[in-house]
Amino acid sequence: MNICIFGASADIRRESYYSNVEELAEALGRAGHDLVFGGFSNGLMKAAADGFGRAGAEITGVIPRIFLDKRTVHPACTKTVACEDLAGRKAKMVELSDAFITAPGSMGTFDELFEVLALKQIHEIEAPIILFNIDGFYDELYAFLQHADAEHLMPRPLEEMVTICSSKEEVLEVLNRQ
């Protein structure tokens, strides 16, 4: 599968975020999966590419032209796809991916997560979506989503939309069921 990993592009202060994403990425690569990601060599994007790269996997970086002069493309990319802007990047990552994993992040990561959740809600995609809940990072967000589901605001049950996993073993188990 082509696995898309969303995650922070900022420098990471909590080492467990970086190490967990890197270890998961390496395990996914060793299991025969390839990476689709934001393309750059910083934050958790770097961790994902480092792990997949160590496993010898194919790595596709999807890069908005607006960042080409401002950020460093990860050297492990075996392929890069240029796009005009962040909206184009999301669309291309969705097109290229068979599953989505969201690591800790901020506004860009949340935007990417909610984009794929919205697409899944209306059946435009049926790919697995996983919240990689390192150190409980997504506890409150998942509780909020459960609340929205309990209020019957979602046309599909939450458990059909997203799976929350706290370890690489749980992520691998979810993907192996696909």
N, C-alpha and C. Protein backbone atom coordinates (compact mmCIF):
# COMPACT_ATOMS: atom_id res chain seq x y z
N MET A 1 0.84 -1.19 0.00
CA MET A 1 0.00 0.00 0.00
C MET A 1 0.88 1.24 0.00
N ASN A 2 0.35 2.31 -0.57
CA ASN A 2 0.94 3.63 -0.42
C ASN A 2 0.31 4.25 0.82
N ILE A 3 1.14 4.49 1.82
CA ILE A 3 0.69 5.03 3.09
C ILE A 3 1.03 6.51 3.14
N CYS A 4 0.02 7.34 3.34
CA CYS A 4 0.24 8.77 3.50
C CYS A 4 0.35 9.07 4.99
N ILE A 5 1.42 9.75 5.36
CA ILE A 5 1.59 10.16 6.76
C ILE A 5 1.54 11.67 6.82
N PHE A 6 0.59 12.16 7.64
CA PHE A 6 0.48 13.58 7.95
C PHE A 6 1.14 13.79 9.31
N GLY A 7 1.85 14.90 9.47
CA GLY A 7 2.45 15.18 10.77
C GLY A 7 3.12 16.53 10.77
N ALA A 8 3.53 16.96 11.93
CA ALA A 8 4.12 18.27 12.14
C ALA A 8 5.31 18.52 11.22
N SER A 9 5.36 19.72 10.70
CA SER A 9 6.54 20.13 9.94
C SER A 9 7.48 20.95 10.81
N ALA A 10 7.04 21.33 11.99
CA ALA A 10 7.85 22.12 12.91
C ALA A 10 8.90 21.24 13.58
N ASP A 11 9.92 21.89 14.11
CA ASP A 11 10.91 21.18 14.90
C ASP A 11 10.21 20.52 16.08
N ILE A 12 10.60 19.31 16.38
CA ILE A 12 9.93 18.52 17.41
C ILE A 12 10.71 18.63 18.72
N ARG A 13 10.01 19.01 19.76
CA ARG A 13 10.65 19.10 21.08
C ARG A 13 10.50 17.80 21.87
N ARG A 14 9.41 17.08 21.62
CA ARG A 14 9.18 15.83 22.34
C ARG A 14 9.76 14.69 21.51
N GLU A 15 10.85 14.13 21.97
CA GLU A 15 11.57 13.09 21.23
C GLU A 15 10.70 11.87 20.94
N SER A 16 9.75 11.57 21.83
CA SER A 16 8.92 10.38 21.62
C SER A 16 8.07 10.50 20.35
N TYR A 17 7.68 11.71 19.97
CA TYR A 17 6.93 11.87 18.72
C TYR A 17 7.80 11.44 17.54
N TYR A 18 9.00 11.97 17.52
CA TYR A 18 9.92 11.67 16.42
C TYR A 18 10.25 10.18 16.37
N SER A 19 10.66 9.62 17.51
CA SER A 19 11.10 8.21 17.51
C SER A 19 9.95 7.26 17.19
N ASN A 20 8.75 7.54 17.67
CA ASN A 20 7.61 6.67 17.38
C ASN A 20 7.24 6.70 15.90
N VAL A 21 7.25 7.89 15.29
CA VAL A 21 6.94 7.99 13.87
C VAL A 21 8.02 7.31 13.05
N GLU A 22 9.26 7.54 13.40
CA GLU A 22 10.37 6.91 12.65
C GLU A 22 10.31 5.38 12.75
N GLU A 23 10.06 4.86 13.94
CA GLU A 23 9.97 3.39 14.11
C GLU A 23 8.77 2.82 13.36
N LEU A 24 7.62 3.50 13.42
CA LEU A 24 6.46 3.04 12.68
C LEU A 24 6.76 3.04 11.18
N ALA A 25 7.33 4.12 10.69
CA ALA A 25 7.63 4.23 9.26
C ALA A 25 8.58 3.12 8.82
N GLU A 26 9.58 2.85 9.60
CA GLU A 26 10.51 1.77 9.23
C GLU A 26 9.78 0.43 9.19
N ALA A 27 8.94 0.17 10.18
CA ALA A 27 8.18 -1.09 10.21
C ALA A 27 7.24 -1.19 9.01
N LEU A 28 6.60 -0.09 8.64
CA LEU A 28 5.72 -0.09 7.47
C LEU A 28 6.52 -0.36 6.19
N GLY A 29 7.67 0.26 6.08
CA GLY A 29 8.52 0.04 4.91
C GLY A 29 8.99 -1.41 4.83
N ARG A 30 9.37 -1.97 5.96
CA ARG A 30 9.83 -3.37 5.98
C ARG A 30 8.68 -4.34 5.66
N ALA A 31 7.45 -3.90 5.91
CA ALA A 31 6.27 -4.72 5.60
C ALA A 31 5.86 -4.59 4.13
N GLY A 32 6.63 -3.81 3.37
CA GLY A 32 6.37 -3.71 1.94
C GLY A 32 5.56 -2.50 1.50
N HIS A 33 5.28 -1.60 2.42
CA HIS A 33 4.50 -0.41 2.10
C HIS A 33 5.43 0.72 1.65
N ASP A 34 4.87 1.68 0.94
CA ASP A 34 5.60 2.86 0.49
C ASP A 34 4.98 4.11 1.10
N LEU A 35 5.75 5.20 1.07
CA LEU A 35 5.34 6.44 1.72
C LEU A 35 4.93 7.50 0.71
N VAL A 36 3.83 8.19 1.03
CA VAL A 36 3.44 9.44 0.39
C VAL A 36 3.40 10.47 1.52
N PHE A 37 4.06 11.61 1.32
CA PHE A 37 4.11 12.60 2.40
C PHE A 37 4.39 13.98 1.83
N GLY A 38 4.50 14.96 2.69
CA GLY A 38 4.67 16.35 2.29
C GLY A 38 5.99 16.70 1.67
N GLY A 39 6.97 15.80 1.70
CA GLY A 39 8.19 15.95 0.94
C GLY A 39 9.37 16.62 1.59
N PHE A 40 9.17 17.25 2.73
CA PHE A 40 10.27 18.04 3.27
C PHE A 40 11.03 17.33 4.39
N SER A 41 12.18 17.89 4.69
CA SER A 41 13.11 17.28 5.63
C SER A 41 13.10 18.00 6.97
N ASN A 42 11.92 18.09 7.56
CA ASN A 42 11.82 18.69 8.89
C ASN A 42 10.65 18.05 9.64
N GLY A 43 10.71 18.15 10.95
CA GLY A 43 9.64 17.67 11.80
C GLY A 43 9.33 16.19 11.62
N LEU A 44 8.05 15.87 11.76
CA LEU A 44 7.64 14.47 11.65
C LEU A 44 7.59 14.00 10.20
N MET A 45 7.58 14.93 9.25
CA MET A 45 7.76 14.53 7.84
C MET A 45 9.14 13.88 7.69
N LYS A 46 10.14 14.48 8.29
CA LYS A 46 11.50 13.92 8.26
C LYS A 46 11.54 12.56 8.91
N ALA A 47 10.90 12.42 10.06
CA ALA A 47 10.88 11.14 10.77
C ALA A 47 10.28 10.04 9.90
N ALA A 48 9.17 10.35 9.23
CA ALA A 48 8.52 9.36 8.36
C ALA A 48 9.44 8.96 7.22
N ALA A 49 10.04 9.94 6.55
CA ALA A 49 10.92 9.63 5.43
C ALA A 49 12.19 8.92 5.89
N ASP A 50 12.72 9.28 7.05
CA ASP A 50 13.90 8.59 7.57
C ASP A 50 13.60 7.11 7.79
N GLY A 51 12.45 6.81 8.39
CA GLY A 51 12.10 5.42 8.66
C GLY A 51 11.85 4.62 7.40
N PHE A 52 11.04 5.15 6.49
CA PHE A 52 10.79 4.45 5.24
C PHE A 52 12.08 4.32 4.43
N GLY A 53 12.92 5.34 4.46
CA GLY A 53 14.19 5.30 3.74
C GLY A 53 15.09 4.20 4.26
N ARG A 54 15.16 4.04 5.56
CA ARG A 54 15.98 2.98 6.16
C ARG A 54 15.50 1.60 5.73
N ALA A 55 14.20 1.49 5.45
CA ALA A 55 13.63 0.21 5.02
C ALA A 55 13.75 -0.01 3.51
N GLY A 56 14.25 0.99 2.79
CA GLY A 56 14.41 0.85 1.36
C GLY A 56 13.12 0.98 0.56
N ALA A 57 12.13 1.64 1.14
CA ALA A 57 10.82 1.79 0.48
C ALA A 57 10.85 2.92 -0.54
N GLU A 58 9.85 2.92 -1.40
CA GLU A 58 9.63 4.05 -2.30
C GLU A 58 9.05 5.20 -1.49
N ILE A 59 9.52 6.41 -1.75
CA ILE A 59 9.09 7.58 -0.99
C ILE A 59 8.72 8.68 -1.98
N THR A 60 7.45 9.05 -1.95
CA THR A 60 6.95 10.11 -2.84
C THR A 60 6.67 11.36 -2.02
N GLY A 61 7.39 12.43 -2.34
CA GLY A 61 7.15 13.72 -1.71
C GLY A 61 6.27 14.57 -2.59
N VAL A 62 5.19 15.09 -2.03
CA VAL A 62 4.26 15.95 -2.76
C VAL A 62 4.51 17.37 -2.29
N ILE A 63 5.01 18.20 -3.20
CA ILE A 63 5.59 19.48 -2.81
C ILE A 63 4.91 20.66 -3.48
N PRO A 64 4.33 21.57 -2.69
CA PRO A 64 3.77 22.79 -3.27
C PRO A 64 4.90 23.70 -3.76
N ARG A 65 4.72 24.26 -4.94
CA ARG A 65 5.75 25.14 -5.53
C ARG A 65 6.07 26.32 -4.62
N ILE A 66 5.10 26.78 -3.84
CA ILE A 66 5.33 27.95 -2.99
C ILE A 66 6.40 27.72 -1.92
N PHE A 67 6.70 26.44 -1.63
CA PHE A 67 7.71 26.14 -0.62
C PHE A 67 9.06 25.73 -1.20
N LEU A 68 9.16 25.57 -2.49
CA LEU A 68 10.39 25.01 -3.08
C LEU A 68 11.65 25.79 -2.73
N ASP A 69 11.57 27.09 -2.62
CA ASP A 69 12.75 27.89 -2.28
C ASP A 69 12.93 28.08 -0.78
N LYS A 70 11.96 27.62 0.01
CA LYS A 70 11.97 27.90 1.44
C LYS A 70 12.29 26.70 2.31
N ARG A 71 12.13 25.50 1.77
CA ARG A 71 12.33 24.28 2.56
C ARG A 71 13.18 23.28 1.79
N THR A 72 13.76 22.36 2.53
CA THR A 72 14.62 21.34 1.93
C THR A 72 13.83 20.07 1.68
N VAL A 73 13.86 19.61 0.44
CA VAL A 73 13.22 18.34 0.09
C VAL A 73 14.02 17.22 0.74
N HIS A 74 13.32 16.24 1.31
CA HIS A 74 14.00 15.12 1.98
C HIS A 74 14.81 14.33 0.96
N PRO A 75 16.09 14.08 1.24
CA PRO A 75 16.95 13.39 0.26
C PRO A 75 16.55 11.94 -0.02
N ALA A 76 15.73 11.34 0.82
CA ALA A 76 15.32 9.95 0.59
C ALA A 76 14.18 9.83 -0.41
N CYS A 77 13.62 10.97 -0.86
CA CYS A 77 12.52 10.90 -1.83
C CYS A 77 13.01 10.20 -3.10
N THR A 78 12.28 9.17 -3.49
CA THR A 78 12.58 8.49 -4.75
C THR A 78 11.80 9.11 -5.89
N LYS A 79 10.79 9.92 -5.52
CA LYS A 79 9.97 10.61 -6.51
C LYS A 79 9.42 11.87 -5.85
N THR A 80 9.35 12.95 -6.60
CA THR A 80 8.68 14.14 -6.12
C THR A 80 7.60 14.53 -7.13
N VAL A 81 6.52 15.05 -6.58
CA VAL A 81 5.40 15.51 -7.39
C VAL A 81 5.17 16.96 -7.00
N ALA A 82 5.29 17.86 -7.97
CA ALA A 82 5.05 19.27 -7.69
C ALA A 82 3.58 19.59 -7.87
N CYS A 83 3.10 20.51 -7.06
CA CYS A 83 1.72 20.98 -7.16
C CYS A 83 1.73 22.48 -6.89
N GLU A 84 0.63 23.12 -7.19
CA GLU A 84 0.60 24.58 -7.08
C GLU A 84 0.56 25.09 -5.64
N ASP A 85 -0.26 24.45 -4.80
CA ASP A 85 -0.49 25.00 -3.47
C ASP A 85 -0.87 23.89 -2.50
N LEU A 86 -1.22 24.26 -1.28
CA LEU A 86 -1.55 23.27 -0.26
C LEU A 86 -2.80 22.47 -0.61
N ALA A 87 -3.78 23.11 -1.23
CA ALA A 87 -4.99 22.38 -1.64
C ALA A 87 -4.63 21.33 -2.69
N GLY A 88 -3.79 21.70 -3.64
CA GLY A 88 -3.34 20.74 -4.64
C GLY A 88 -2.53 19.61 -4.04
N ARG A 89 -1.73 19.94 -3.01
CA ARG A 89 -0.96 18.91 -2.32
C ARG A 89 -1.88 17.88 -1.68
N LYS A 90 -2.91 18.36 -0.97
CA LYS A 90 -3.85 17.43 -0.33
C LYS A 90 -4.52 16.54 -1.38
N ALA A 91 -4.98 17.14 -2.45
CA ALA A 91 -5.66 16.37 -3.49
C ALA A 91 -4.73 15.31 -4.08
N LYS A 92 -3.48 15.66 -4.32
CA LYS A 92 -2.53 14.70 -4.90
C LYS A 92 -2.21 13.59 -3.90
N MET A 93 -2.04 13.93 -2.63
CA MET A 93 -1.76 12.90 -1.63
C MET A 93 -2.93 11.93 -1.52
N VAL A 94 -4.15 12.45 -1.57
CA VAL A 94 -5.33 11.58 -1.53
C VAL A 94 -5.34 10.67 -2.75
N GLU A 95 -5.07 11.22 -3.91
CA GLU A 95 -5.05 10.44 -5.15
C GLU A 95 -4.03 9.31 -5.11
N LEU A 96 -2.88 9.55 -4.50
CA LEU A 96 -1.78 8.58 -4.53
C LEU A 96 -1.82 7.56 -3.39
N SER A 97 -2.70 7.73 -2.42
CA SER A 97 -2.61 6.96 -1.18
C SER A 97 -3.72 5.94 -1.00
N ASP A 98 -3.36 4.84 -0.31
CA ASP A 98 -4.30 3.77 0.00
C ASP A 98 -4.71 3.77 1.47
N ALA A 99 -3.98 4.51 2.30
CA ALA A 99 -4.27 4.59 3.74
C ALA A 99 -3.63 5.88 4.25
N PHE A 100 -4.17 6.38 5.38
CA PHE A 100 -3.71 7.65 5.94
C PHE A 100 -3.43 7.48 7.43
N ILE A 101 -2.28 7.97 7.86
CA ILE A 101 -1.91 7.97 9.27
C ILE A 101 -1.61 9.41 9.65
N THR A 102 -2.24 9.85 10.74
CA THR A 102 -2.02 11.21 11.21
C THR A 102 -1.25 11.16 12.51
N ALA A 103 -0.02 11.66 12.46
CA ALA A 103 0.84 11.78 13.63
C ALA A 103 0.57 13.14 14.28
N PRO A 104 1.16 13.41 15.44
CA PRO A 104 0.97 14.72 16.05
C PRO A 104 1.34 15.85 15.10
N GLY A 105 0.59 16.92 15.20
CA GLY A 105 0.84 18.08 14.34
C GLY A 105 -0.02 19.24 14.76
N SER A 106 -0.13 20.20 13.87
CA SER A 106 -0.89 21.40 14.17
C SER A 106 -1.84 21.72 13.02
N MET A 107 -2.02 22.95 12.68
CA MET A 107 -3.07 23.35 11.75
C MET A 107 -3.00 22.64 10.40
N GLY A 108 -1.83 22.56 9.80
CA GLY A 108 -1.71 21.87 8.52
C GLY A 108 -2.07 20.41 8.64
N THR A 109 -1.61 19.78 9.69
CA THR A 109 -1.92 18.36 9.93
C THR A 109 -3.41 18.17 10.17
N PHE A 110 -4.02 19.05 10.97
CA PHE A 110 -5.45 18.94 11.23
C PHE A 110 -6.25 19.14 9.94
N ASP A 111 -5.81 20.10 9.14
CA ASP A 111 -6.47 20.35 7.85
C ASP A 111 -6.43 19.09 6.98
N GLU A 112 -5.28 18.45 6.91
CA GLU A 112 -5.15 17.22 6.12
C GLU A 112 -6.03 16.11 6.67
N LEU A 113 -6.02 15.94 7.99
CA LEU A 113 -6.85 14.92 8.63
C LEU A 113 -8.32 15.16 8.32
N PHE A 114 -8.80 16.38 8.54
CA PHE A 114 -10.23 16.64 8.34
C PHE A 114 -10.61 16.56 6.86
N GLU A 115 -9.69 16.85 5.97
CA GLU A 115 -9.96 16.67 4.54
C GLU A 115 -10.28 15.21 4.24
N VAL A 116 -9.42 14.28 4.71
CA VAL A 116 -9.68 12.86 4.40
C VAL A 116 -10.89 12.34 5.17
N LEU A 117 -11.13 12.84 6.38
CA LEU A 117 -12.33 12.44 7.11
C LEU A 117 -13.59 12.89 6.37
N ALA A 118 -13.57 14.11 5.85
CA ALA A 118 -14.73 14.60 5.10
C ALA A 118 -14.95 13.77 3.84
N LEU A 119 -13.87 13.42 3.15
CA LEU A 119 -13.99 12.59 1.95
C LEU A 119 -14.51 11.20 2.28
N LYS A 120 -14.07 10.67 3.41
CA LYS A 120 -14.56 9.35 3.81
C LYS A 120 -16.03 9.42 4.23
N GLN A 121 -16.39 10.48 4.90
CA GLN A 121 -17.78 10.64 5.35
C GLN A 121 -18.76 10.59 4.19
N ILE A 122 -18.37 11.14 3.04
CA ILE A 122 -19.26 11.16 1.88
C ILE A 122 -18.93 10.06 0.87
N HIS A 123 -18.12 9.09 1.31
CA HIS A 123 -17.79 7.90 0.52
C HIS A 123 -16.96 8.19 -0.73
N GLU A 124 -16.23 9.29 -0.75
CA GLU A 124 -15.33 9.54 -1.89
C GLU A 124 -14.07 8.72 -1.75
N ILE A 125 -13.70 8.39 -0.53
CA ILE A 125 -12.61 7.44 -0.28
C ILE A 125 -13.10 6.44 0.76
N GLU A 126 -12.52 5.27 0.75
CA GLU A 126 -12.83 4.27 1.78
C GLU A 126 -11.55 3.78 2.46
N ALA A 127 -10.48 4.49 2.25
CA ALA A 127 -9.18 4.12 2.81
C ALA A 127 -9.19 4.21 4.33
N PRO A 128 -8.39 3.36 4.98
CA PRO A 128 -8.26 3.48 6.44
C PRO A 128 -7.65 4.83 6.82
N ILE A 129 -8.16 5.39 7.89
CA ILE A 129 -7.63 6.63 8.47
C ILE A 129 -7.30 6.32 9.92
N ILE A 130 -6.04 6.55 10.28
CA ILE A 130 -5.57 6.21 11.62
C ILE A 130 -5.03 7.45 12.30
N LEU A 131 -5.47 7.69 13.54
CA LEU A 131 -4.85 8.70 14.40
C LEU A 131 -3.76 7.99 15.18
N PHE A 132 -2.51 8.38 14.96
CA PHE A 132 -1.39 7.80 15.71
C PHE A 132 -1.24 8.61 16.99
N ASN A 133 -1.81 8.09 18.05
CA ASN A 133 -2.03 8.79 19.31
C ASN A 133 -0.83 8.67 20.25
N ILE A 134 0.31 9.17 19.83
CA ILE A 134 1.54 9.08 20.62
C ILE A 134 1.38 9.90 21.90
N ASP A 135 1.66 9.28 23.03
CA ASP A 135 1.60 9.94 24.34
C ASP A 135 0.25 10.64 24.58
N GLY A 136 -0.83 10.09 24.01
CA GLY A 136 -2.16 10.64 24.23
C GLY A 136 -2.43 11.95 23.50
N PHE A 137 -1.61 12.27 22.49
CA PHE A 137 -1.75 13.54 21.79
C PHE A 137 -3.17 13.78 21.28
N TYR A 138 -3.82 12.75 20.77
CA TYR A 138 -5.15 12.92 20.17
C TYR A 138 -6.30 12.54 21.10
N ASP A 139 -6.06 12.37 22.38
CA ASP A 139 -7.13 11.99 23.30
C ASP A 139 -8.31 12.96 23.26
N GLU A 140 -8.03 14.26 23.39
CA GLU A 140 -9.12 15.24 23.43
C GLU A 140 -9.82 15.36 22.08
N LEU A 141 -9.07 15.33 20.99
CA LEU A 141 -9.71 15.41 19.68
C LEU A 141 -10.62 14.21 19.46
N TYR A 142 -10.14 13.03 19.82
CA TYR A 142 -10.96 11.83 19.63
C TYR A 142 -12.20 11.88 20.52
N ALA A 143 -12.06 12.39 21.74
CA ALA A 143 -13.22 12.54 22.63
C ALA A 143 -14.23 13.50 22.01
N PHE A 144 -13.75 14.58 21.39
CA PHE A 144 -14.64 15.52 20.72
C PHE A 144 -15.37 14.84 19.55
N LEU A 145 -14.64 14.06 18.76
CA LEU A 145 -15.27 13.34 17.65
C LEU A 145 -16.31 12.34 18.17
N GLN A 146 -16.01 11.68 19.29
CA GLN A 146 -16.99 10.77 19.90
C GLN A 146 -18.23 11.53 20.33
N HIS A 147 -18.03 12.73 20.86
CA HIS A 147 -19.16 13.56 21.28
C HIS A 147 -20.03 13.92 20.07
N ALA A 148 -19.40 14.34 18.97
CA ALA A 148 -20.16 14.66 17.76
C ALA A 148 -20.91 13.44 17.25
N ASP A 149 -20.28 12.27 17.35
CA ASP A 149 -20.93 11.03 16.93
C ASP A 149 -22.11 10.71 17.85
N ALA A 150 -21.93 10.86 19.16
CA ALA A 150 -23.00 10.59 20.11
C ALA A 150 -24.18 11.54 19.93
N GLU A 151 -23.92 12.74 19.44
CA GLU A 151 -24.98 13.71 19.16
C GLU A 151 -25.62 13.47 17.80
N HIS A 152 -25.22 12.40 17.13
CA HIS A 152 -25.76 12.01 15.82
C HIS A 152 -25.55 13.09 14.76
N LEU A 153 -24.39 13.75 14.84
CA LEU A 153 -24.06 14.78 13.86
C LEU A 153 -23.26 14.22 12.68
N MET A 154 -22.84 12.99 12.79
CA MET A 154 -22.07 12.37 11.72
C MET A 154 -22.96 11.39 10.97
N PRO A 155 -22.94 11.45 9.64
CA PRO A 155 -23.76 10.52 8.87
C PRO A 155 -23.23 9.09 8.88
N ARG A 156 -22.00 8.92 9.29
CA ARG A 156 -21.43 7.58 9.43
C ARG A 156 -20.89 7.44 10.85
N PRO A 157 -21.00 6.26 11.44
CA PRO A 157 -20.45 6.07 12.78
C PRO A 157 -18.94 6.33 12.81
N LEU A 158 -18.47 6.90 13.89
CA LEU A 158 -17.06 7.26 14.04
C LEU A 158 -16.15 6.06 13.79
N GLU A 159 -16.53 4.89 14.30
CA GLU A 159 -15.65 3.72 14.15
C GLU A 159 -15.50 3.28 12.70
N GLU A 160 -16.40 3.72 11.82
CA GLU A 160 -16.24 3.46 10.38
C GLU A 160 -15.31 4.47 9.73
N MET A 161 -15.10 5.58 10.39
CA MET A 161 -14.35 6.68 9.81
C MET A 161 -12.87 6.67 10.17
N VAL A 162 -12.57 6.43 11.44
CA VAL A 162 -11.20 6.60 11.91
C VAL A 162 -10.93 5.60 13.03
N THR A 163 -9.67 5.17 13.09
CA THR A 163 -9.21 4.29 14.16
C THR A 163 -8.11 5.00 14.92
N ILE A 164 -8.17 4.94 16.24
CA ILE A 164 -7.12 5.56 17.05
C ILE A 164 -6.20 4.46 17.55
N CYS A 165 -4.89 4.66 17.36
CA CYS A 165 -3.88 3.67 17.74
C CYS A 165 -2.78 4.36 18.54
N SER A 166 -2.32 3.69 19.58
CA SER A 166 -1.29 4.27 20.44
C SER A 166 0.08 3.65 20.25
N SER A 167 0.19 2.64 19.40
CA SER A 167 1.49 2.00 19.19
C SER A 167 1.64 1.58 17.74
N LYS A 168 2.88 1.36 17.33
CA LYS A 168 3.12 0.91 15.95
C LYS A 168 2.50 -0.46 15.73
N GLU A 169 2.46 -1.29 16.76
CA GLU A 169 1.86 -2.62 16.63
C GLU A 169 0.37 -2.52 16.31
N GLU A 170 -0.32 -1.59 16.98
CA GLU A 170 -1.75 -1.40 16.70
C GLU A 170 -1.96 -0.90 15.27
N VAL A 171 -1.12 0.03 14.83
CA VAL A 171 -1.23 0.56 13.47
C VAL A 171 -1.03 -0.57 12.46
N LEU A 172 0.01 -1.37 12.66
CA LEU A 172 0.29 -2.47 11.74
C LEU A 172 -0.87 -3.48 11.72
N GLU A 173 -1.46 -3.73 12.87
CA GLU A 173 -2.60 -4.66 12.94
C GLU A 173 -3.79 -4.12 12.14
N VAL A 174 -4.08 -2.83 12.29
CA VAL A 174 -5.19 -2.22 11.55
C VAL A 174 -4.93 -2.32 10.04
N LEU A 175 -3.73 -2.02 9.62
CA LEU A 175 -3.42 -2.05 8.18
C LEU A 175 -3.38 -3.47 7.65
N ASN A 176 -2.97 -4.42 8.45
CA ASN A 176 -2.94 -5.82 8.01
C ASN A 176 -4.34 -6.38 7.78
N ARG A 177 -5.35 -5.79 8.43
CA ARG A 177 -6.73 -6.23 8.23
C ARG A 177 -7.30 -5.73 6.91
N GLN A 178 -6.64 -4.80 6.27
CA GLN A 178 -7.16 -4.20 5.02
C GLN A 178 -6.90 -5.09 3.83
